[in-house]
N, C-alpha and C. Protein backbone atom coordinates (compact mmCIF):
# COMPACT_ATOMS: atom_id res chain seq x y z
N MET A 1 -11.82 -0.13 7.42
CA MET A 1 -11.44 1.21 7.75
C MET A 1 -12.55 1.87 8.54
N LYS A 2 -12.22 2.34 9.70
CA LYS A 2 -13.24 2.93 10.56
C LYS A 2 -13.28 4.45 10.44
N ASP A 3 -12.17 5.07 10.09
CA ASP A 3 -12.10 6.52 10.04
C ASP A 3 -12.78 7.04 8.78
N PRO A 4 -13.88 7.81 8.92
CA PRO A 4 -14.60 8.29 7.74
C PRO A 4 -13.77 9.23 6.88
N GLU A 5 -12.85 10.00 7.50
CA GLU A 5 -11.99 10.88 6.72
C GLU A 5 -11.04 10.07 5.85
N LEU A 6 -10.50 8.99 6.39
CA LEU A 6 -9.60 8.14 5.62
C LEU A 6 -10.35 7.48 4.48
N ARG A 7 -11.54 6.98 4.76
CA ARG A 7 -12.35 6.35 3.72
C ARG A 7 -12.63 7.34 2.58
N ALA A 8 -13.01 8.57 2.93
CA ALA A 8 -13.30 9.59 1.92
C ALA A 8 -12.05 9.92 1.12
N ALA A 9 -10.91 9.99 1.79
CA ALA A 9 -9.66 10.29 1.10
C ALA A 9 -9.28 9.18 0.13
N LEU A 10 -9.48 7.93 0.56
CA LEU A 10 -9.18 6.80 -0.32
C LEU A 10 -10.07 6.82 -1.55
N GLU A 11 -11.33 7.12 -1.36
CA GLU A 11 -12.25 7.18 -2.49
C GLU A 11 -11.86 8.32 -3.43
N GLN A 12 -11.47 9.45 -2.87
CA GLN A 12 -11.07 10.60 -3.67
C GLN A 12 -9.78 10.32 -4.43
N ALA A 13 -8.89 9.52 -3.85
CA ALA A 13 -7.58 9.28 -4.45
C ALA A 13 -7.59 8.25 -5.55
N SER A 14 -8.71 7.66 -5.85
CA SER A 14 -8.74 6.56 -6.80
C SER A 14 -8.16 6.92 -8.16
N GLY A 15 -8.21 8.18 -8.57
CA GLY A 15 -7.65 8.57 -9.86
C GLY A 15 -6.35 9.34 -9.76
N ALA A 16 -5.86 9.57 -8.56
CA ALA A 16 -4.64 10.36 -8.39
C ALA A 16 -3.41 9.49 -8.46
N SER A 17 -2.30 10.06 -8.92
CA SER A 17 -1.08 9.28 -8.94
C SER A 17 -0.41 9.28 -7.58
N ALA A 18 -0.57 10.33 -6.83
CA ALA A 18 -0.06 10.35 -5.45
C ALA A 18 -0.82 11.41 -4.67
N LEU A 19 -1.14 11.10 -3.45
CA LEU A 19 -1.90 12.03 -2.61
C LEU A 19 -1.47 11.83 -1.17
N ARG A 20 -1.20 12.92 -0.48
CA ARG A 20 -0.88 12.85 0.95
C ARG A 20 -2.13 13.23 1.72
N VAL A 21 -2.48 12.44 2.69
CA VAL A 21 -3.66 12.71 3.50
C VAL A 21 -3.21 12.81 4.95
N ASP A 22 -3.45 13.96 5.57
CA ASP A 22 -3.09 14.16 6.97
C ASP A 22 -4.32 13.97 7.84
N LEU A 23 -4.25 13.01 8.74
CA LEU A 23 -5.34 12.74 9.68
C LEU A 23 -4.74 12.76 11.08
N GLY A 24 -4.85 13.90 11.73
CA GLY A 24 -4.26 14.02 13.06
C GLY A 24 -2.76 13.91 12.97
N HIS A 25 -2.17 12.99 13.70
CA HIS A 25 -0.73 12.82 13.72
C HIS A 25 -0.24 11.84 12.66
N CYS A 26 -1.15 11.26 11.88
CA CYS A 26 -0.78 10.27 10.87
C CYS A 26 -0.84 10.87 9.48
N THR A 27 0.12 10.54 8.66
CA THR A 27 0.10 10.94 7.26
C THR A 27 0.07 9.67 6.44
N TYR A 28 -0.91 9.56 5.55
CA TYR A 28 -1.02 8.41 4.67
C TYR A 28 -0.63 8.85 3.27
N VAL A 29 0.20 8.08 2.62
CA VAL A 29 0.57 8.37 1.25
C VAL A 29 -0.13 7.35 0.39
N LEU A 30 -0.98 7.85 -0.50
CA LEU A 30 -1.74 6.98 -1.38
C LEU A 30 -1.15 7.09 -2.77
N ALA A 31 -0.87 5.99 -3.39
CA ALA A 31 -0.23 6.02 -4.70
C ALA A 31 -0.88 5.04 -5.64
N ARG A 32 -0.87 5.40 -6.90
CA ARG A 32 -1.32 4.47 -7.92
C ARG A 32 -0.07 3.89 -8.56
N ILE A 33 -0.04 2.60 -8.73
CA ILE A 33 1.11 1.92 -9.28
C ILE A 33 0.97 1.89 -10.80
N SER A 34 2.07 2.14 -11.49
CA SER A 34 2.03 2.13 -12.94
C SER A 34 1.72 0.72 -13.46
N SER A 35 1.21 0.65 -14.67
CA SER A 35 0.87 -0.64 -15.27
C SER A 35 2.09 -1.54 -15.37
N LYS A 36 3.23 -0.97 -15.72
CA LYS A 36 4.47 -1.75 -15.85
C LYS A 36 4.86 -2.38 -14.52
N GLU A 37 4.80 -1.59 -13.44
CA GLU A 37 5.17 -2.11 -12.13
C GLU A 37 4.15 -3.13 -11.63
N LYS A 38 2.88 -2.89 -11.93
CA LYS A 38 1.86 -3.87 -11.54
C LYS A 38 2.11 -5.19 -12.24
N ALA A 39 2.54 -5.13 -13.49
CA ALA A 39 2.82 -6.35 -14.24
C ALA A 39 3.99 -7.11 -13.63
N ALA A 40 4.91 -6.39 -12.99
CA ALA A 40 6.08 -7.02 -12.38
C ALA A 40 5.74 -7.68 -11.04
N MET A 41 4.55 -7.40 -10.51
CA MET A 41 4.12 -7.99 -9.25
C MET A 41 3.11 -9.09 -9.49
N SER A 42 3.12 -10.06 -8.60
CA SER A 42 2.10 -11.11 -8.67
C SER A 42 0.75 -10.51 -8.28
N PRO A 43 -0.35 -11.18 -8.66
CA PRO A 43 -1.66 -10.67 -8.24
C PRO A 43 -1.77 -10.52 -6.72
N ARG A 44 -1.21 -11.45 -5.97
CA ARG A 44 -1.27 -11.37 -4.51
C ARG A 44 -0.45 -10.18 -4.01
N GLN A 45 0.73 -9.94 -4.61
CA GLN A 45 1.53 -8.79 -4.22
C GLN A 45 0.78 -7.49 -4.49
N ARG A 46 0.05 -7.43 -5.60
CA ARG A 46 -0.73 -6.23 -5.91
C ARG A 46 -1.80 -6.01 -4.86
N GLU A 47 -2.48 -7.09 -4.45
CA GLU A 47 -3.50 -6.97 -3.40
C GLU A 47 -2.88 -6.46 -2.10
N ILE A 48 -1.76 -7.06 -1.74
CA ILE A 48 -1.11 -6.71 -0.48
C ILE A 48 -0.58 -5.29 -0.50
N VAL A 49 0.08 -4.88 -1.59
CA VAL A 49 0.63 -3.53 -1.64
C VAL A 49 -0.48 -2.49 -1.63
N ASP A 50 -1.59 -2.76 -2.29
CA ASP A 50 -2.72 -1.82 -2.27
C ASP A 50 -3.24 -1.62 -0.84
N LEU A 51 -3.37 -2.70 -0.09
CA LEU A 51 -3.84 -2.60 1.30
C LEU A 51 -2.77 -2.00 2.21
N PHE A 52 -1.53 -2.41 1.99
CA PHE A 52 -0.40 -1.95 2.81
C PHE A 52 -0.23 -0.44 2.70
N LEU A 53 -0.39 0.11 1.49
CA LEU A 53 -0.19 1.54 1.29
C LEU A 53 -1.33 2.39 1.84
N THR A 54 -2.45 1.77 2.18
CA THR A 54 -3.52 2.54 2.83
C THR A 54 -3.26 2.69 4.32
N GLY A 55 -2.23 2.01 4.82
CA GLY A 55 -1.91 2.09 6.24
C GLY A 55 -2.48 0.95 7.06
N LEU A 56 -3.11 0.00 6.41
CA LEU A 56 -3.69 -1.14 7.11
C LEU A 56 -2.59 -1.97 7.76
N PRO A 57 -2.71 -2.32 9.03
CA PRO A 57 -1.70 -3.15 9.69
C PRO A 57 -1.60 -4.53 9.03
N ARG A 58 -0.43 -5.12 9.14
CA ARG A 58 -0.18 -6.42 8.50
C ARG A 58 -1.16 -7.50 8.97
N ARG A 59 -1.49 -7.51 10.25
CA ARG A 59 -2.43 -8.52 10.76
C ARG A 59 -3.81 -8.36 10.14
N LYS A 60 -4.23 -7.12 9.92
CA LYS A 60 -5.55 -6.89 9.30
C LYS A 60 -5.51 -7.26 7.82
N ILE A 61 -4.38 -7.01 7.17
CA ILE A 61 -4.22 -7.44 5.77
C ILE A 61 -4.37 -8.95 5.71
N ALA A 62 -3.69 -9.64 6.60
CA ALA A 62 -3.74 -11.10 6.64
C ALA A 62 -5.17 -11.58 6.85
N SER A 63 -5.86 -10.98 7.79
CA SER A 63 -7.24 -11.37 8.07
C SER A 63 -8.14 -11.13 6.87
N GLN A 64 -7.99 -9.98 6.24
CA GLN A 64 -8.83 -9.63 5.10
C GLN A 64 -8.60 -10.57 3.91
N LEU A 65 -7.35 -11.01 3.73
CA LEU A 65 -7.01 -11.87 2.59
C LEU A 65 -7.02 -13.36 2.94
N ASN A 66 -7.36 -13.66 4.19
CA ASN A 66 -7.39 -15.05 4.66
C ASN A 66 -6.06 -15.77 4.48
N ILE A 67 -4.99 -15.08 4.87
CA ILE A 67 -3.65 -15.66 4.86
C ILE A 67 -3.02 -15.36 6.22
N SER A 68 -1.89 -15.99 6.50
CA SER A 68 -1.24 -15.77 7.79
C SER A 68 -0.47 -14.44 7.79
N PRO A 69 -0.31 -13.84 8.97
CA PRO A 69 0.50 -12.62 9.06
C PRO A 69 1.92 -12.84 8.55
N ARG A 70 2.46 -14.03 8.77
CA ARG A 70 3.82 -14.33 8.28
C ARG A 70 3.87 -14.31 6.76
N THR A 71 2.81 -14.77 6.10
CA THR A 71 2.76 -14.72 4.63
C THR A 71 2.75 -13.27 4.16
N VAL A 72 2.00 -12.43 4.85
CA VAL A 72 1.99 -11.00 4.51
C VAL A 72 3.39 -10.44 4.69
N ASP A 73 4.05 -10.77 5.81
CA ASP A 73 5.42 -10.30 6.05
C ASP A 73 6.35 -10.71 4.92
N THR A 74 6.23 -11.96 4.47
CA THR A 74 7.08 -12.45 3.38
C THR A 74 6.85 -11.65 2.10
N HIS A 75 5.59 -11.41 1.77
CA HIS A 75 5.29 -10.62 0.57
C HIS A 75 5.83 -9.20 0.70
N ILE A 76 5.66 -8.59 1.88
CA ILE A 76 6.14 -7.22 2.09
C ILE A 76 7.67 -7.18 1.98
N GLU A 77 8.35 -8.16 2.56
CA GLU A 77 9.82 -8.21 2.47
C GLU A 77 10.25 -8.31 1.01
N ARG A 78 9.57 -9.13 0.22
CA ARG A 78 9.90 -9.26 -1.20
C ARG A 78 9.63 -7.97 -1.96
N LEU A 79 8.54 -7.29 -1.62
CA LEU A 79 8.24 -6.00 -2.26
C LEU A 79 9.32 -4.97 -1.91
N PHE A 80 9.75 -4.95 -0.64
CA PHE A 80 10.81 -4.03 -0.23
C PHE A 80 12.07 -4.29 -1.05
N ARG A 81 12.44 -5.56 -1.20
CA ARG A 81 13.64 -5.89 -1.99
C ARG A 81 13.45 -5.51 -3.45
N LYS A 82 12.28 -5.81 -4.00
CA LYS A 82 11.99 -5.53 -5.41
C LYS A 82 12.12 -4.04 -5.71
N PHE A 83 11.63 -3.20 -4.78
CA PHE A 83 11.65 -1.76 -4.99
C PHE A 83 12.85 -1.07 -4.34
N GLY A 84 13.70 -1.84 -3.65
CA GLY A 84 14.90 -1.29 -3.04
C GLY A 84 14.62 -0.33 -1.89
N VAL A 85 13.65 -0.68 -1.05
CA VAL A 85 13.25 0.18 0.06
C VAL A 85 13.22 -0.62 1.36
N GLY A 86 13.01 0.09 2.49
CA GLY A 86 12.97 -0.60 3.77
C GLY A 86 11.81 -0.24 4.67
N THR A 87 10.97 0.73 4.23
CA THR A 87 9.84 1.13 5.06
C THR A 87 8.60 1.32 4.19
N ARG A 88 7.45 1.37 4.86
CA ARG A 88 6.17 1.60 4.17
C ARG A 88 6.20 2.94 3.42
N ILE A 89 6.73 3.97 4.07
CA ILE A 89 6.78 5.29 3.44
C ILE A 89 7.69 5.27 2.21
N GLU A 90 8.84 4.64 2.32
CA GLU A 90 9.74 4.54 1.16
C GLU A 90 9.08 3.77 0.02
N LEU A 91 8.36 2.71 0.35
CA LEU A 91 7.66 1.95 -0.68
C LEU A 91 6.62 2.83 -1.38
N ALA A 92 5.84 3.57 -0.59
CA ALA A 92 4.83 4.46 -1.17
C ALA A 92 5.48 5.52 -2.05
N GLN A 93 6.59 6.08 -1.59
CA GLN A 93 7.28 7.11 -2.38
C GLN A 93 7.83 6.52 -3.67
N ARG A 94 8.41 5.35 -3.59
CA ARG A 94 8.98 4.69 -4.78
C ARG A 94 7.89 4.40 -5.80
N ILE A 95 6.78 3.89 -5.34
CA ILE A 95 5.68 3.57 -6.25
C ILE A 95 5.09 4.86 -6.84
N ALA A 96 5.00 5.90 -6.02
CA ALA A 96 4.48 7.18 -6.53
C ALA A 96 5.39 7.74 -7.61
N LEU A 97 6.70 7.58 -7.46
CA LEU A 97 7.64 8.06 -8.48
C LEU A 97 7.53 7.27 -9.77
N LEU A 98 7.14 6.02 -9.68
CA LEU A 98 7.03 5.17 -10.87
C LEU A 98 5.73 5.36 -11.62
N SER A 99 4.77 6.03 -11.00
CA SER A 99 3.45 6.21 -11.63
C SER A 99 3.51 7.23 -12.74
């Protein structure tokens, strides 16, 4: 993460159940996943969803986790199905509601 405002917001949000951060034209929704929902996800899905919800692009998630972008896509598709959503924002909102 290069944006110092985003980094500060992420650090501040560590104990919040949901937080909206406006940085210019971008809005990031940061959410904490409930213990029950985390248990329903694999450890890799938890890693990916945590990075995905910070707004990190899929290719950067793949690079950071040393997996292929297609593997990230597969995990994201499964998370979308699991939570009944179709976008990053819907996933963040769904997880925020479950917290």
